[in-house]
Amino acid sequence: MNRSLEFGVDSADLTGHITGRNCNHDLDIPVGTTFTSIHKTRVDGDLMHLNSIELGIVGRIQLTLSAVEFYGNNIDVVPGGHSAGLTLEGDGLEMLVDVLQNLSKREFVSIAAERT
């Protein structure tokens, strides 16, 4: 099975620093990974009956993971299921920041890369 690598983005700035979490609980995201798409998801329903609705790809990017900060240390991967601070380089930072700034209530953003 060839699942994509997905990182849920909580914040991003134009210098390439982003925070969030590795959405893949069983897969690490290594430095050197290039994220190629921005995805949006909306959560609907009440607390007892939540549904995640995939809103699809909202942008194409070419952002390469150049550094991972994990509990104050620089490491070579974003561990599966964990939060981290990332440094990204490449094309698409402005688009990512814009998507984050224009989210509606209960919408969330992730970036994805194909596994190699």
Protein backbone atom coordinates (compact mmCIF):
# COMPACT_ATOMS: atom_id res chain seq x y z
CA MET A 1 0.00 0.00 0.00
CA ASN A 2 1.40 3.41 -0.97
CA ARG A 3 -0.21 5.92 1.43
CA SER A 4 0.81 9.54 1.24
CA LEU A 5 2.57 11.31 4.09
CA GLU A 6 0.34 13.95 5.67
CA PHE A 7 1.19 16.77 8.08
CA GLY A 8 -1.64 18.72 9.76
CA VAL A 9 -0.69 22.41 9.79
CA ASP A 10 -1.61 24.58 12.78
CA SER A 11 0.42 27.66 11.81
CA ALA A 12 2.81 28.83 9.11
CA ASP A 13 4.78 31.95 8.27
CA LEU A 14 6.54 33.25 5.19
CA THR A 15 9.98 32.34 6.57
CA GLY A 16 9.11 28.65 6.16
CA HIS A 17 8.46 27.82 9.80
CA ILE A 18 5.33 25.78 10.39
CA THR A 19 3.89 23.91 13.35
CA GLY A 20 1.51 21.00 13.41
CA ARG A 21 1.44 17.23 13.66
CA ASN A 22 2.25 14.15 11.66
CA CYS A 23 -1.17 12.71 10.76
CA ASN A 24 0.37 9.30 10.04
CA HIS A 25 0.52 7.51 13.37
CA ASP A 26 2.69 4.70 12.04
CA LEU A 27 4.89 6.56 9.52
CA ASP A 28 7.72 9.02 10.11
CA ILE A 29 8.20 11.96 7.73
CA PRO A 30 11.94 12.28 6.92
CA VAL A 31 13.90 15.46 6.25
CA GLY A 32 14.12 15.83 2.46
CA THR A 33 10.45 14.99 1.90
CA THR A 34 8.78 17.31 -0.63
CA PHE A 35 5.17 18.22 0.06
CA THR A 36 3.21 18.71 -3.16
CA SER A 37 -0.38 19.55 -2.16
CA ILE A 38 -2.48 21.43 0.37
CA HIS A 39 -5.65 19.67 1.56
CA LYS A 40 -8.63 21.03 3.46
CA THR A 41 -10.99 19.11 5.77
CA ARG A 42 -14.12 20.24 7.58
CA VAL A 43 -15.57 18.68 10.71
CA ASP A 44 -19.38 18.63 10.87
CA GLY A 45 -21.87 17.39 13.42
CA ASP A 46 -22.20 17.61 17.17
CA LEU A 47 -19.79 16.33 19.79
CA MET A 48 -21.30 12.84 19.84
CA HIS A 49 -21.58 12.52 16.03
CA LEU A 50 -18.60 14.15 14.33
CA ASN A 51 -17.91 13.61 10.62
CA SER A 52 -14.75 14.62 8.77
CA ILE A 53 -15.50 15.81 5.25
CA GLU A 54 -12.56 15.93 2.85
CA LEU A 55 -12.83 19.16 0.87
CA GLY A 56 -9.98 18.09 -1.39
CA ILE A 57 -6.81 19.63 -2.72
CA VAL A 58 -6.89 23.43 -2.51
CA GLY A 59 -3.38 24.10 -3.83
CA ARG A 60 -0.27 22.63 -5.41
CA ILE A 61 3.08 23.32 -3.75
CA GLN A 62 6.72 22.23 -3.87
CA LEU A 63 7.92 22.59 -0.27
CA THR A 64 10.84 20.48 0.93
CA LEU A 65 11.28 19.62 4.60
CA SER A 66 14.73 20.90 5.59
CA ALA A 67 14.59 20.74 9.42
CA VAL A 68 12.51 19.26 12.25
CA GLU A 69 12.40 20.66 15.78
CA PHE A 70 11.05 18.15 18.29
CA TYR A 71 11.01 19.08 21.99
CA GLY A 72 13.81 21.58 21.47
CA ASN A 73 16.05 19.19 19.51
CA ASN A 74 16.75 19.01 15.79
CA ILE A 75 16.03 15.52 14.48
CA ASP A 76 15.88 13.84 11.05
CA VAL A 77 12.19 12.86 10.99
CA VAL A 78 8.77 13.97 12.20
CA PRO A 79 7.84 10.94 14.31
CA GLY A 80 4.54 9.29 13.44
CA GLY A 81 1.60 10.85 15.28
CA HIS A 82 3.67 13.59 16.94
CA SER A 83 3.69 17.38 16.82
CA ALA A 84 6.79 19.28 15.68
CA GLY A 85 8.08 22.53 14.28
CA LEU A 86 9.21 22.28 10.67
CA THR A 87 11.29 24.38 8.33
CA LEU A 88 10.19 24.18 4.71
CA GLU A 89 11.90 25.55 1.61
CA GLY A 90 10.54 26.01 -1.89
CA ASP A 91 7.43 27.25 -3.66
CA GLY A 92 4.04 27.57 -2.03
CA LEU A 93 4.58 29.20 1.36
CA GLU A 94 2.45 32.22 0.45
CA MET A 95 -0.37 29.95 -0.68
CA LEU A 96 -0.18 27.87 2.50
CA VAL A 97 -0.27 30.98 4.73
CA ASP A 98 -3.19 32.38 2.71
CA VAL A 99 -5.20 29.14 3.02
CA LEU A 100 -4.61 29.08 6.79
CA GLN A 101 -5.66 32.72 7.19
CA ASN A 102 -8.90 32.16 5.30
CA LEU A 103 -10.19 29.01 7.01
CA SER A 104 -13.82 28.88 8.06
CA LYS A 105 -14.87 27.55 11.44
CA ARG A 106 -14.20 23.83 11.84
CA GLU A 107 -11.90 23.67 8.79
CA PHE A 108 -8.40 22.24 8.98
CA VAL A 109 -5.40 22.19 6.64
CA SER A 110 -2.80 19.54 5.91
CA ILE A 111 0.04 19.21 3.44
CA ALA A 112 0.79 15.93 1.71
CA ALA A 113 3.73 14.20 0.03
CA GLU A 114 3.98 10.93 -1.84
CA ARG A 115 5.97 8.21 -0.12
CA THR A 116 9.17 7.23 -1.88
